[in-house]
Amino acid sequence: MPAHLQRDLSVGEVAKRSGLAVSAIHFYEAKGLIKSRRNAGNQRRFTRDVLRRVAIIKVAQRTGITLAEIRAAFDTLPDSRAPTATDWQRLSASWRHALDDRIARLTQLRDQLDHCIGCGCLSMQECPLRNPEDELAEEGSGPRLLDPD
């Protein structure tokens, strides 16, 4: 393997290669998502596999996966190598159900969003279509129609 591919990366190099700010790299490290070591000059150095991990973090965050969920998934991976395509398939499959649920909730919200606003009353207590005679008050405070869980 060429020497430039074996060399560890500085935080600036990781930021440049990943398209993230240096502060984001530090944040991910503080959250335990990526790891570095210190060289003789006390500078952070990252192994090249951190680029794959950062790419996974960015994709997962874009789909709404929390950093805690990402960290839990990373805890199942070996530290000694970059995540493989097989690792990604396993991680993404484990997130699929949560994403499907989120999509269903968002679709329901989108489809119901204009019902009360469209009638003009803007009142969940008085709206005869969505909450006749304030029936939902018996269930307690908070949104009742958005999240049936």
N, C-alpha and C. Protein backbone atom coordinates (compact mmCIF):
# COMPACT_ATOMS: atom_id res chain seq x y z
N MET A 1 0.85 -1.17 0.00
CA MET A 1 0.00 0.00 0.00
C MET A 1 0.89 1.23 0.00
N PRO A 2 0.59 2.24 -0.83
CA PRO A 2 1.42 3.45 -0.85
C PRO A 2 1.46 4.13 0.52
N ALA A 3 2.58 4.79 0.81
CA ALA A 3 2.78 5.42 2.12
C ALA A 3 1.71 6.45 2.43
N HIS A 4 1.23 7.18 1.42
CA HIS A 4 0.23 8.22 1.70
C HIS A 4 -1.12 7.62 2.11
N LEU A 5 -1.36 6.34 1.80
CA LEU A 5 -2.59 5.69 2.22
C LEU A 5 -2.46 5.05 3.60
N GLN A 6 -1.23 4.88 4.08
CA GLN A 6 -1.02 4.30 5.40
C GLN A 6 -0.96 5.38 6.48
N ARG A 7 -0.68 6.59 6.10
CA ARG A 7 -0.48 7.69 7.02
C ARG A 7 -1.80 8.07 7.71
N ASP A 8 -1.72 8.35 9.00
CA ASP A 8 -2.89 8.84 9.72
C ASP A 8 -3.20 10.27 9.29
N LEU A 9 -4.41 10.70 9.59
CA LEU A 9 -4.89 12.00 9.15
C LEU A 9 -5.01 12.97 10.32
N SER A 10 -4.70 14.23 10.05
CA SER A 10 -4.92 15.27 11.05
C SER A 10 -6.41 15.61 11.08
N VAL A 11 -6.84 16.32 12.11
CA VAL A 11 -8.24 16.71 12.19
C VAL A 11 -8.62 17.60 11.01
N GLY A 12 -7.71 18.44 10.57
CA GLY A 12 -7.96 19.29 9.41
C GLY A 12 -8.14 18.49 8.13
N GLU A 13 -7.34 17.45 7.97
CA GLU A 13 -7.46 16.59 6.80
C GLU A 13 -8.79 15.82 6.82
N VAL A 14 -9.19 15.34 7.99
CA VAL A 14 -10.47 14.66 8.10
C VAL A 14 -11.60 15.62 7.76
N ALA A 15 -11.52 16.84 8.28
CA ALA A 15 -12.55 17.84 7.99
C ALA A 15 -12.62 18.14 6.49
N LYS A 16 -11.48 18.34 5.88
CA LYS A 16 -11.44 18.65 4.45
C LYS A 16 -11.99 17.50 3.61
N ARG A 17 -11.55 16.29 3.91
CA ARG A 17 -11.98 15.12 3.14
C ARG A 17 -13.45 14.81 3.34
N SER A 18 -13.98 15.10 4.53
CA SER A 18 -15.38 14.76 4.84
C SER A 18 -16.35 15.88 4.53
N GLY A 19 -15.82 17.10 4.33
CA GLY A 19 -16.69 18.24 4.08
C GLY A 19 -17.32 18.80 5.35
N LEU A 20 -16.79 18.43 6.50
CA LEU A 20 -17.30 18.93 7.78
C LEU A 20 -16.34 19.95 8.37
N ALA A 21 -16.85 20.73 9.29
CA ALA A 21 -16.01 21.67 10.03
C ALA A 21 -15.17 20.89 11.04
N VAL A 22 -14.02 21.44 11.38
CA VAL A 22 -13.17 20.82 12.39
C VAL A 22 -13.95 20.66 13.69
N SER A 23 -14.78 21.65 14.02
CA SER A 23 -15.57 21.57 15.26
C SER A 23 -16.52 20.37 15.23
N ALA A 24 -17.05 20.01 14.07
CA ALA A 24 -17.92 18.84 13.96
C ALA A 24 -17.13 17.56 14.21
N ILE A 25 -15.92 17.50 13.72
CA ILE A 25 -15.06 16.34 13.96
C ILE A 25 -14.79 16.20 15.47
N HIS A 26 -14.47 17.32 16.11
CA HIS A 26 -14.25 17.29 17.56
C HIS A 26 -15.52 16.87 18.30
N PHE A 27 -16.66 17.36 17.85
CA PHE A 27 -17.95 17.02 18.47
C PHE A 27 -18.21 15.51 18.35
N TYR A 28 -18.02 14.95 17.16
CA TYR A 28 -18.23 13.51 16.97
C TYR A 28 -17.29 12.70 17.85
N GLU A 29 -16.07 13.19 18.00
CA GLU A 29 -15.12 12.49 18.85
C GLU A 29 -15.57 12.58 20.32
N ALA A 30 -16.02 13.74 20.75
CA ALA A 30 -16.49 13.92 22.14
C ALA A 30 -17.69 13.02 22.43
N LYS A 31 -18.51 12.77 21.42
CA LYS A 31 -19.69 11.91 21.57
C LYS A 31 -19.35 10.43 21.46
N GLY A 32 -18.08 10.11 21.20
CA GLY A 32 -17.67 8.71 21.13
C GLY A 32 -17.97 8.04 19.81
N LEU A 33 -18.26 8.82 18.77
CA LEU A 33 -18.57 8.25 17.46
C LEU A 33 -17.32 7.91 16.66
N ILE A 34 -16.27 8.68 16.88
CA ILE A 34 -14.99 8.44 16.22
C ILE A 34 -13.89 8.56 17.28
N LYS A 35 -12.73 8.02 16.95
CA LYS A 35 -11.62 8.03 17.90
C LYS A 35 -10.37 8.55 17.22
N SER A 36 -9.53 9.17 18.03
CA SER A 36 -8.22 9.61 17.56
C SER A 36 -7.19 9.17 18.58
N ARG A 37 -5.96 9.37 18.23
CA ARG A 37 -4.86 9.16 19.16
C ARG A 37 -4.00 10.42 19.10
N ARG A 38 -3.13 10.58 20.03
CA ARG A 38 -2.22 11.72 20.05
C ARG A 38 -0.84 11.27 19.58
N ASN A 39 -0.22 12.08 18.72
CA ASN A 39 1.14 11.74 18.28
C ASN A 39 2.14 12.33 19.28
N ALA A 40 3.42 12.20 18.97
CA ALA A 40 4.48 12.67 19.88
C ALA A 40 4.37 14.17 20.12
N GLY A 41 3.84 14.91 19.17
CA GLY A 41 3.66 16.36 19.32
C GLY A 41 2.33 16.73 19.94
N ASN A 42 1.61 15.75 20.50
CA ASN A 42 0.31 15.91 21.14
C ASN A 42 -0.78 16.39 20.18
N GLN A 43 -0.62 16.07 18.91
CA GLN A 43 -1.64 16.42 17.92
C GLN A 43 -2.54 15.20 17.68
N ARG A 44 -3.83 15.50 17.44
CA ARG A 44 -4.77 14.41 17.15
C ARG A 44 -4.43 13.79 15.80
N ARG A 45 -4.51 12.47 15.75
CA ARG A 45 -4.34 11.74 14.51
C ARG A 45 -5.46 10.70 14.42
N PHE A 46 -6.04 10.62 13.24
CA PHE A 46 -7.14 9.69 12.98
C PHE A 46 -6.70 8.67 11.96
N THR A 47 -7.10 7.43 12.17
CA THR A 47 -6.85 6.43 11.14
C THR A 47 -7.81 6.69 9.99
N ARG A 48 -7.47 6.20 8.82
CA ARG A 48 -8.25 6.52 7.61
C ARG A 48 -9.68 5.98 7.66
N ASP A 49 -9.93 4.94 8.46
CA ASP A 49 -11.28 4.40 8.53
C ASP A 49 -12.28 5.40 9.11
N VAL A 50 -11.77 6.44 9.76
CA VAL A 50 -12.67 7.47 10.30
C VAL A 50 -13.48 8.15 9.18
N LEU A 51 -12.94 8.19 7.98
CA LEU A 51 -13.66 8.81 6.87
C LEU A 51 -14.93 8.02 6.54
N ARG A 52 -14.85 6.70 6.58
CA ARG A 52 -16.03 5.87 6.34
C ARG A 52 -17.05 6.05 7.46
N ARG A 53 -16.56 6.12 8.70
CA ARG A 53 -17.47 6.32 9.84
C ARG A 53 -18.16 7.68 9.76
N VAL A 54 -17.43 8.70 9.39
CA VAL A 54 -18.03 10.03 9.25
C VAL A 54 -19.07 10.02 8.12
N ALA A 55 -18.79 9.33 7.04
CA ALA A 55 -19.76 9.23 5.95
C ALA A 55 -21.04 8.55 6.44
N ILE A 56 -20.91 7.50 7.22
CA ILE A 56 -22.08 6.81 7.77
C ILE A 56 -22.84 7.75 8.69
N ILE A 57 -22.13 8.49 9.53
CA ILE A 57 -22.78 9.44 10.43
C ILE A 57 -23.60 10.45 9.64
N LYS A 58 -23.00 11.00 8.59
CA LYS A 58 -23.69 12.02 7.79
C LYS A 58 -24.96 11.46 7.13
N VAL A 59 -24.87 10.27 6.57
CA VAL A 59 -26.03 9.65 5.93
C VAL A 59 -27.11 9.35 6.96
N ALA A 60 -26.70 8.77 8.07
CA ALA A 60 -27.66 8.40 9.12
C ALA A 60 -28.35 9.65 9.68
N GLN A 61 -27.60 10.70 9.93
CA GLN A 61 -28.21 11.93 10.45
C GLN A 61 -29.19 12.52 9.45
N ARG A 62 -28.86 12.44 8.19
CA ARG A 62 -29.76 12.97 7.16
C ARG A 62 -31.10 12.26 7.14
N THR A 63 -31.12 11.02 7.56
CA THR A 63 -32.37 10.26 7.59
C THR A 63 -33.07 10.37 8.94
N GLY A 64 -32.48 11.13 9.87
CA GLY A 64 -33.12 11.35 11.16
C GLY A 64 -32.67 10.41 12.27
N ILE A 65 -31.67 9.61 12.03
CA ILE A 65 -31.15 8.72 13.06
C ILE A 65 -30.39 9.58 14.07
N THR A 66 -30.63 9.36 15.35
CA THR A 66 -29.98 10.17 16.38
C THR A 66 -28.53 9.74 16.57
N LEU A 67 -27.76 10.64 17.15
CA LEU A 67 -26.36 10.31 17.43
C LEU A 67 -26.25 9.14 18.41
N ALA A 68 -27.19 9.06 19.35
CA ALA A 68 -27.18 7.93 20.28
C ALA A 68 -27.40 6.61 19.54
N GLU A 69 -28.31 6.61 18.57
CA GLU A 69 -28.55 5.40 17.79
C GLU A 69 -27.34 5.05 16.93
N ILE A 70 -26.69 6.07 16.39
CA ILE A 70 -25.50 5.84 15.57
C ILE A 70 -24.38 5.26 16.45
N ARG A 71 -24.21 5.84 17.62
CA ARG A 71 -23.16 5.34 18.52
C ARG A 71 -23.43 3.89 18.90
N ALA A 72 -24.69 3.57 19.23
CA ALA A 72 -25.03 2.19 19.58
C ALA A 72 -24.71 1.24 18.43
N ALA A 73 -24.98 1.68 17.20
CA ALA A 73 -24.67 0.86 16.03
C ALA A 73 -23.16 0.71 15.87
N PHE A 74 -22.42 1.80 16.05
CA PHE A 74 -20.96 1.75 15.93
C PHE A 74 -20.35 0.85 17.01
N ASP A 75 -20.98 0.76 18.16
CA ASP A 75 -20.46 -0.09 19.23
C ASP A 75 -20.47 -1.57 18.83
N THR A 76 -21.24 -1.91 17.79
CA THR A 76 -21.28 -3.30 17.31
C THR A 76 -20.19 -3.58 16.27
N LEU A 77 -19.47 -2.55 15.87
CA LEU A 77 -18.43 -2.70 14.84
C LEU A 77 -17.05 -2.82 15.47
N PRO A 78 -16.16 -3.55 14.83
CA PRO A 78 -14.79 -3.60 15.35
C PRO A 78 -14.07 -2.27 15.12
N ASP A 79 -13.22 -1.88 16.07
CA ASP A 79 -12.46 -0.63 15.95
C ASP A 79 -11.29 -0.75 14.99
N SER A 80 -10.92 -1.97 14.66
CA SER A 80 -9.67 -2.21 13.94
C SER A 80 -9.76 -2.00 12.43
N ARG A 81 -10.95 -1.71 11.92
CA ARG A 81 -11.07 -1.56 10.46
C ARG A 81 -12.23 -0.64 10.10
N ALA A 82 -12.23 -0.23 8.85
CA ALA A 82 -13.35 0.59 8.36
C ALA A 82 -14.59 -0.28 8.22
N PRO A 83 -15.77 0.31 8.47
CA PRO A 83 -17.00 -0.46 8.24
C PRO A 83 -17.09 -0.90 6.78
N THR A 84 -17.52 -2.13 6.58
CA THR A 84 -17.62 -2.70 5.24
C THR A 84 -19.02 -2.52 4.67
N ALA A 85 -19.20 -2.90 3.43
CA ALA A 85 -20.53 -2.86 2.81
C ALA A 85 -21.49 -3.77 3.57
N THR A 86 -21.00 -4.90 4.04
CA THR A 86 -21.83 -5.81 4.83
C THR A 86 -22.24 -5.16 6.15
N ASP A 87 -21.29 -4.46 6.79
CA ASP A 87 -21.61 -3.73 8.01
C ASP A 87 -22.70 -2.70 7.74
N TRP A 88 -22.55 -1.95 6.63
CA TRP A 88 -23.54 -0.93 6.29
C TRP A 88 -24.91 -1.55 6.04
N GLN A 89 -24.96 -2.68 5.37
CA GLN A 89 -26.24 -3.34 5.13
C GLN A 89 -26.91 -3.72 6.44
N ARG A 90 -26.13 -4.21 7.38
CA ARG A 90 -26.68 -4.59 8.68
C ARG A 90 -27.18 -3.36 9.44
N LEU A 91 -26.37 -2.30 9.45
CA LEU A 91 -26.76 -1.07 10.16
C LEU A 91 -28.01 -0.46 9.54
N SER A 92 -28.01 -0.34 8.23
CA SER A 92 -29.14 0.30 7.57
C SER A 92 -30.41 -0.53 7.71
N ALA A 93 -30.29 -1.84 7.72
CA ALA A 93 -31.47 -2.70 7.92
C ALA A 93 -32.03 -2.50 9.32
N SER A 94 -31.16 -2.31 10.30
CA SER A 94 -31.64 -2.11 11.67
C SER A 94 -32.33 -0.77 11.83
N TRP A 95 -32.00 0.20 11.00
CA TRP A 95 -32.63 1.53 11.06
C TRP A 95 -33.89 1.61 10.20
N ARG A 96 -34.08 0.68 9.29
CA ARG A 96 -35.20 0.75 8.34
C ARG A 96 -36.56 0.82 9.02
N HIS A 97 -36.79 0.00 10.05
CA HIS A 97 -38.09 -0.02 10.73
C HIS A 97 -38.40 1.35 11.35
N ALA A 98 -37.42 1.92 12.03
CA ALA A 98 -37.62 3.24 12.64
C ALA A 98 -37.91 4.29 11.57
N LEU A 99 -37.23 4.19 10.44
CA LEU A 99 -37.47 5.14 9.35
C LEU A 99 -38.87 4.96 8.75
N ASP A 100 -39.29 3.72 8.59
CA ASP A 100 -40.64 3.45 8.07
C ASP A 100 -41.69 4.03 9.01
N ASP A 101 -41.49 3.87 10.33
CA ASP A 101 -42.43 4.43 11.30
C ASP A 101 -42.46 5.96 11.22
N ARG A 102 -41.28 6.56 11.11
CA ARG A 102 -41.19 8.02 11.02
C ARG A 102 -41.87 8.51 9.75
N ILE A 103 -41.67 7.84 8.65
CA ILE A 103 -42.31 8.22 7.38
C ILE A 103 -43.82 8.13 7.51
N ALA A 104 -44.33 7.07 8.13
CA ALA A 104 -45.77 6.91 8.31
C ALA A 104 -46.35 8.05 9.16
N ARG A 105 -45.65 8.41 10.26
CA ARG A 105 -46.13 9.51 11.10
C ARG A 105 -46.11 10.83 10.35
N LEU A 106 -45.04 11.07 9.60
CA LEU A 106 -44.96 12.32 8.84
C LEU A 106 -46.01 12.38 7.74
N THR A 107 -46.27 11.26 7.10
CA THR A 107 -47.30 11.22 6.06
C THR A 107 -48.66 11.51 6.68
N GLN A 108 -48.95 10.92 7.83
CA GLN A 108 -50.21 11.18 8.52
C GLN A 108 -50.30 12.65 8.91
N LEU A 109 -49.24 13.21 9.43
CA LEU A 109 -49.23 14.62 9.81
C LEU A 109 -49.47 15.50 8.58
N ARG A 110 -48.77 15.21 7.50
CA ARG A 110 -48.95 15.98 6.27
C ARG A 110 -50.39 15.92 5.78
N ASP A 111 -50.96 14.72 5.80
CA ASP A 111 -52.33 14.55 5.29
C ASP A 111 -53.37 15.19 6.19
N GLN A 112 -53.08 15.35 7.48
CA GLN A 112 -54.04 15.94 8.40
C GLN A 112 -53.75 17.40 8.73
N LEU A 113 -52.64 17.90 8.25
CA LEU A 113 -52.17 19.22 8.65
C LEU A 113 -53.16 20.33 8.39
N ASP A 114 -53.87 20.29 7.30
CA ASP A 114 -54.74 21.41 6.95
C ASP A 114 -56.17 21.26 7.46
N HIS A 115 -56.52 20.17 8.12
CA HIS A 115 -57.90 19.97 8.55
C HIS A 115 -58.40 21.07 9.46
N CYS A 116 -57.74 21.33 10.57
CA CYS A 116 -58.22 22.37 11.48
C CYS A 116 -57.88 23.75 10.96
N ILE A 117 -56.70 23.92 10.46
CA ILE A 117 -56.32 25.23 9.95
C ILE A 117 -57.21 25.62 8.78
N GLY A 118 -57.58 24.64 7.97
CA GLY A 118 -58.42 24.90 6.81
C GLY A 118 -59.82 25.38 7.16
N CYS A 119 -60.36 24.97 8.32
CA CYS A 119 -61.71 25.40 8.68
C CYS A 119 -61.70 26.80 9.27
N GLY A 120 -60.55 27.25 9.73
CA GLY A 120 -60.45 28.61 10.22
C GLY A 120 -60.64 28.77 11.72
N CYS A 121 -61.11 27.75 12.42
CA CYS A 121 -61.38 27.95 13.85
C CYS A 121 -60.10 27.89 14.69
N LEU A 122 -59.11 27.13 14.25
CA LEU A 122 -57.84 26.97 14.95
C LEU A 122 -58.01 26.52 16.40
N SER A 123 -59.09 25.81 16.69
CA SER A 123 -59.35 25.37 18.06
C SER A 123 -59.55 23.87 18.10
N MET A 124 -58.66 23.18 18.78
CA MET A 124 -58.82 21.74 18.96
C MET A 124 -59.96 21.46 19.94
N GLN A 125 -60.31 22.44 20.79
CA GLN A 125 -61.36 22.23 21.78
C GLN A 125 -62.75 22.35 21.17
N GLU A 126 -62.89 23.21 20.18
CA GLU A 126 -64.22 23.48 19.63
C GLU A 126 -64.45 22.89 18.25
N CYS A 127 -63.43 22.36 17.63
CA CYS A 127 -63.56 21.87 16.26
C CYS A 127 -64.47 20.64 16.22
N PRO A 128 -65.59 20.72 15.56
CA PRO A 128 -66.51 19.59 15.51
C PRO A 128 -66.02 18.45 14.61
N LEU A 129 -65.02 18.72 13.77
CA LEU A 129 -64.52 17.69 12.87
C LEU A 129 -63.42 16.85 13.53
N ARG A 130 -62.49 17.48 14.23
CA ARG A 130 -61.32 16.77 14.75
C ARG A 130 -61.47 16.37 16.22
N ASN A 131 -62.26 17.13 16.99
CA ASN A 131 -62.36 16.86 18.41
C ASN A 131 -63.74 17.28 18.92
N PRO A 132 -64.78 16.57 18.49
CA PRO A 132 -66.13 16.98 18.88
C PRO A 132 -66.32 16.94 20.39
N GLU A 133 -66.88 18.02 20.91
CA GLU A 133 -67.16 18.18 22.34
C GLU A 133 -65.93 17.93 23.22
N ASP A 134 -64.77 18.24 22.69
CA ASP A 134 -63.51 18.14 23.42
C ASP A 134 -63.30 16.76 24.05
N GLU A 135 -63.61 15.71 23.30
CA GLU A 135 -63.48 14.34 23.79
C GLU A 135 -62.04 13.99 24.18
N LEU A 136 -61.09 14.58 23.48
CA LEU A 136 -59.69 14.23 23.73
C LEU A 136 -59.18 14.77 25.07
N ALA A 137 -59.85 15.73 25.66
CA ALA A 137 -59.42 16.28 26.95
C ALA A 137 -59.41 15.19 28.02
N GLU A 138 -60.28 14.21 27.89
CA GLU A 138 -60.35 13.13 28.88
C GLU A 138 -59.08 12.27 28.88
N GLU A 139 -58.33 12.30 27.79
CA GLU A 139 -57.11 11.51 27.68
C GLU A 139 -55.89 12.23 28.25
N GLY A 140 -56.04 13.46 28.67
CA GLY A 140 -54.93 14.22 29.23
C GLY A 140 -54.41 15.27 28.27
N SER A 141 -53.39 15.99 28.73
CA SER A 141 -52.85 17.07 27.91
C SER A 141 -51.89 16.53 26.86
N GLY A 142 -51.60 17.36 25.89
CA GLY A 142 -50.65 17.01 24.84
C GLY A 142 -51.34 16.56 23.57
N PRO A 143 -50.57 16.41 22.49
CA PRO A 143 -51.14 16.01 21.22
C PRO A 143 -51.65 14.58 21.26
N ARG A 144 -52.84 14.38 20.80
CA ARG A 144 -53.44 13.05 20.83
C ARG A 144 -53.65 12.49 19.43
N LEU A 145 -53.76 13.34 18.44
CA LEU A 145 -54.05 12.87 17.09
C LEU A 145 -52.79 12.65 16.26
N LEU A 146 -51.67 13.20 16.70
CA LEU A 146 -50.46 13.12 15.90
C LEU A 146 -49.70 11.82 16.12
N ASP A 147 -49.63 11.37 17.35
CA ASP A 147 -48.86 10.18 17.70
C ASP A 147 -49.74 9.21 18.46
N PRO A 148 -50.27 8.19 17.79
CA PRO A 148 -51.20 7.28 18.45
C PRO A 148 -50.54 6.34 19.45
N ASP A 149 -49.22 6.39 19.62
CA ASP A 149 -48.51 5.48 20.54
C ASP A 149 -48.88 5.72 21.97
